[in-house]
Amino acid sequence: MIEKILTDYITFIRSFEALLKDKYQKDINPCSFSITFFERIGSIDGIEYHFHGSGCTAKKDDVIYEYDISVNVIKFSQWKFSEFIRTHPEYQKLNYSADYIEYELFQLINKGVLEWEIIEGTPFGCVFKCYRVVQESFFA
């Protein structure tokens, strides 16, 4: 089921980005041009969005899609993905624990769909890890 949930998450993100690319006639990721061509906070097609740092929080029908992007690669933490599940009317009923979600995402790492990305150099010397989508064709 996590594969289906992740497919919905990625499909929404790419559809949202396509809306922005179409509206602003750009063929690059919106994170790359958001500061110069449109407001970093706004709405499009019923989606409220806020670009921040290297990422975006988008919200449609009270479902939260939060993610980071580097060039054209979607990255997310377990917390960000869990927020999507928690706010989605269908998926929240599954009542998945954080441990279960992490285990299932790890299975997608083993399949080569996701991989870890380590983030160092953060304030206070913290090191974080996030998931990086490496095989989007898996979800097509």
Protein backbone atom coordinates (compact mmCIF):
# COMPACT_ATOMS: atom_id res chain seq x y z
CA MET A 1 0.00 0.00 0.00
CA ILE A 2 2.91 2.37 0.66
CA GLU A 3 3.82 2.09 -3.03
CA LYS A 4 0.32 3.29 -3.98
CA ILE A 5 0.48 6.11 -1.44
CA LEU A 6 3.91 7.17 -2.69
CA THR A 7 2.63 7.03 -6.27
CA ASP A 8 -0.21 9.41 -5.38
CA TYR A 9 2.23 11.72 -3.57
CA ILE A 10 4.66 11.90 -6.50
CA THR A 11 1.89 12.17 -9.10
CA PHE A 12 0.40 15.15 -7.28
CA ILE A 13 3.79 16.88 -6.97
CA ARG A 14 4.58 16.46 -10.67
CA SER A 15 1.05 17.57 -11.67
CA PHE A 16 1.36 20.67 -9.47
CA GLU A 17 4.74 21.49 -10.98
CA ALA A 18 3.30 21.02 -14.49
CA LEU A 19 0.55 23.56 -13.69
CA LEU A 20 3.18 26.13 -12.69
CA LYS A 21 5.38 25.38 -15.70
CA ASP A 22 2.41 25.78 -18.02
CA LYS A 23 1.12 28.96 -16.42
CA TYR A 24 4.55 30.65 -16.45
CA GLN A 25 5.71 29.13 -19.74
CA LYS A 26 8.88 27.63 -18.23
CA ASP A 27 10.28 24.19 -18.91
CA ILE A 28 12.32 23.97 -15.71
CA ASN A 29 11.34 22.98 -12.21
CA PRO A 30 9.35 25.69 -10.41
CA CYS A 31 11.76 25.64 -7.46
CA SER A 32 14.37 26.96 -9.88
CA PHE A 33 12.39 29.98 -11.02
CA SER A 34 9.88 30.70 -8.25
CA ILE A 35 11.72 33.67 -6.81
CA THR A 36 11.92 35.57 -10.11
CA PHE A 37 8.70 34.76 -11.97
CA PHE A 38 5.97 34.42 -9.35
CA GLU A 39 5.26 34.88 -5.67
CA ARG A 40 6.68 32.19 -3.45
CA ILE A 41 3.31 32.02 -1.69
CA GLY A 42 0.16 31.69 -3.75
CA SER A 43 -2.46 29.41 -5.20
CA ILE A 44 -3.15 27.73 -8.51
CA ASP A 45 -6.02 25.44 -9.50
CA GLY A 46 -7.23 25.11 -5.89
CA ILE A 47 -3.72 24.34 -4.60
CA GLU A 48 -2.26 26.67 -1.98
CA TYR A 49 1.53 26.64 -2.08
CA HIS A 50 4.53 28.06 -0.32
CA PHE A 51 8.05 27.69 -1.70
CA HIS A 52 10.70 27.77 1.01
CA GLY A 53 14.41 27.14 0.77
CA SER A 54 14.84 24.12 -1.44
CA GLY A 55 11.31 22.91 -1.11
CA CYS A 56 7.61 23.49 -1.25
CA THR A 57 4.53 22.89 0.83
CA ALA A 58 1.40 22.47 -1.25
CA LYS A 59 -2.07 21.94 0.16
CA LYS A 60 -5.22 20.87 -1.65
CA ASP A 61 -8.47 19.89 0.06
CA ASP A 62 -6.61 19.92 3.42
CA VAL A 63 -4.09 17.31 2.20
CA ILE A 64 -0.50 18.45 2.76
CA TYR A 65 2.19 17.66 0.19
CA GLU A 66 5.55 18.81 1.48
CA TYR A 67 8.77 18.03 -0.34
CA ASP A 68 12.22 19.26 -1.29
CA ILE A 69 13.63 19.32 -4.77
CA SER A 70 17.12 19.47 -6.20
CA VAL A 71 17.26 20.11 -9.94
CA ASN A 72 14.43 17.73 -10.81
CA VAL A 73 14.68 15.12 -8.04
CA ILE A 74 11.98 14.83 -5.38
CA LYS A 75 13.27 14.44 -1.82
CA PHE A 76 11.29 14.03 1.38
CA SER A 77 11.71 13.08 5.00
CA GLN A 78 9.72 10.40 6.71
CA TRP A 79 7.92 13.18 8.60
CA LYS A 80 6.92 14.96 5.38
CA PHE A 81 5.58 11.74 3.87
CA SER A 82 3.82 10.87 7.14
CA GLU A 83 2.12 14.30 7.09
CA PHE A 84 0.74 13.47 3.66
CA ILE A 85 -0.65 10.19 5.00
CA ARG A 86 -1.98 11.85 8.17
CA THR A 87 -3.87 14.56 6.25
CA HIS A 88 -5.20 12.37 3.42
CA PRO A 89 -8.81 11.28 4.12
CA GLU A 90 -8.32 7.76 2.74
CA TYR A 91 -4.80 7.02 3.98
CA GLN A 92 -5.19 8.38 7.51
CA LYS A 93 -7.65 5.55 8.21
CA LEU A 94 -4.80 3.07 7.81
CA ASN A 95 -3.30 4.40 11.05
CA TYR A 96 0.26 3.51 10.05
CA SER A 97 2.94 3.96 12.69
CA ALA A 98 6.11 5.91 11.92
CA ASP A 99 8.09 2.67 12.26
CA TYR A 100 5.89 0.91 9.72
CA ILE A 101 6.18 3.77 7.21
CA GLU A 102 9.96 3.82 7.62
CA TYR A 103 10.15 0.05 7.16
CA GLU A 104 8.06 0.19 3.97
CA LEU A 105 10.09 3.08 2.55
CA PHE A 106 13.24 1.09 3.29
CA GLN A 107 11.81 -1.74 1.18
CA LEU A 108 11.60 0.73 -1.71
CA ILE A 109 15.27 1.55 -1.15
CA ASN A 110 16.01 -2.17 -1.51
CA LYS A 111 14.05 -2.18 -4.81
CA GLY A 112 16.12 0.75 -6.11
CA VAL A 113 13.14 3.11 -6.24
CA LEU A 114 14.35 5.36 -3.42
CA GLU A 115 17.72 6.02 -1.90
CA TRP A 116 19.02 7.75 1.19
CA GLU A 117 20.38 11.24 1.01
CA ILE A 118 22.43 12.42 3.96
CA ILE A 119 22.23 16.12 4.82
CA GLU A 120 25.17 17.44 6.79
CA GLY A 121 26.35 20.91 7.69
CA THR A 122 23.11 21.89 9.37
CA PRO A 123 22.99 24.23 12.40
CA PHE A 124 24.34 22.70 15.58
CA GLY A 125 26.18 20.02 13.58
CA CYS A 126 23.09 17.85 13.09
CA VAL A 127 22.99 15.23 10.37
CA PHE A 128 19.67 14.31 8.76
CA LYS A 129 18.66 11.73 6.24
CA CYS A 130 15.89 11.95 3.71
CA TYR A 131 14.55 9.84 0.89
CA ARG A 132 15.31 10.65 -2.70
CA VAL A 133 13.20 9.32 -5.59
CA VAL A 134 15.59 7.74 -8.10
CA GLN A 135 13.18 5.75 -10.24
CA GLU A 136 10.03 7.71 -11.05
CA SER A 137 9.21 5.37 -13.94
CA PHE A 138 8.35 2.85 -11.21
CA PHE A 139 5.31 4.98 -10.41
CA ALA A 140 4.18 5.74 -13.96
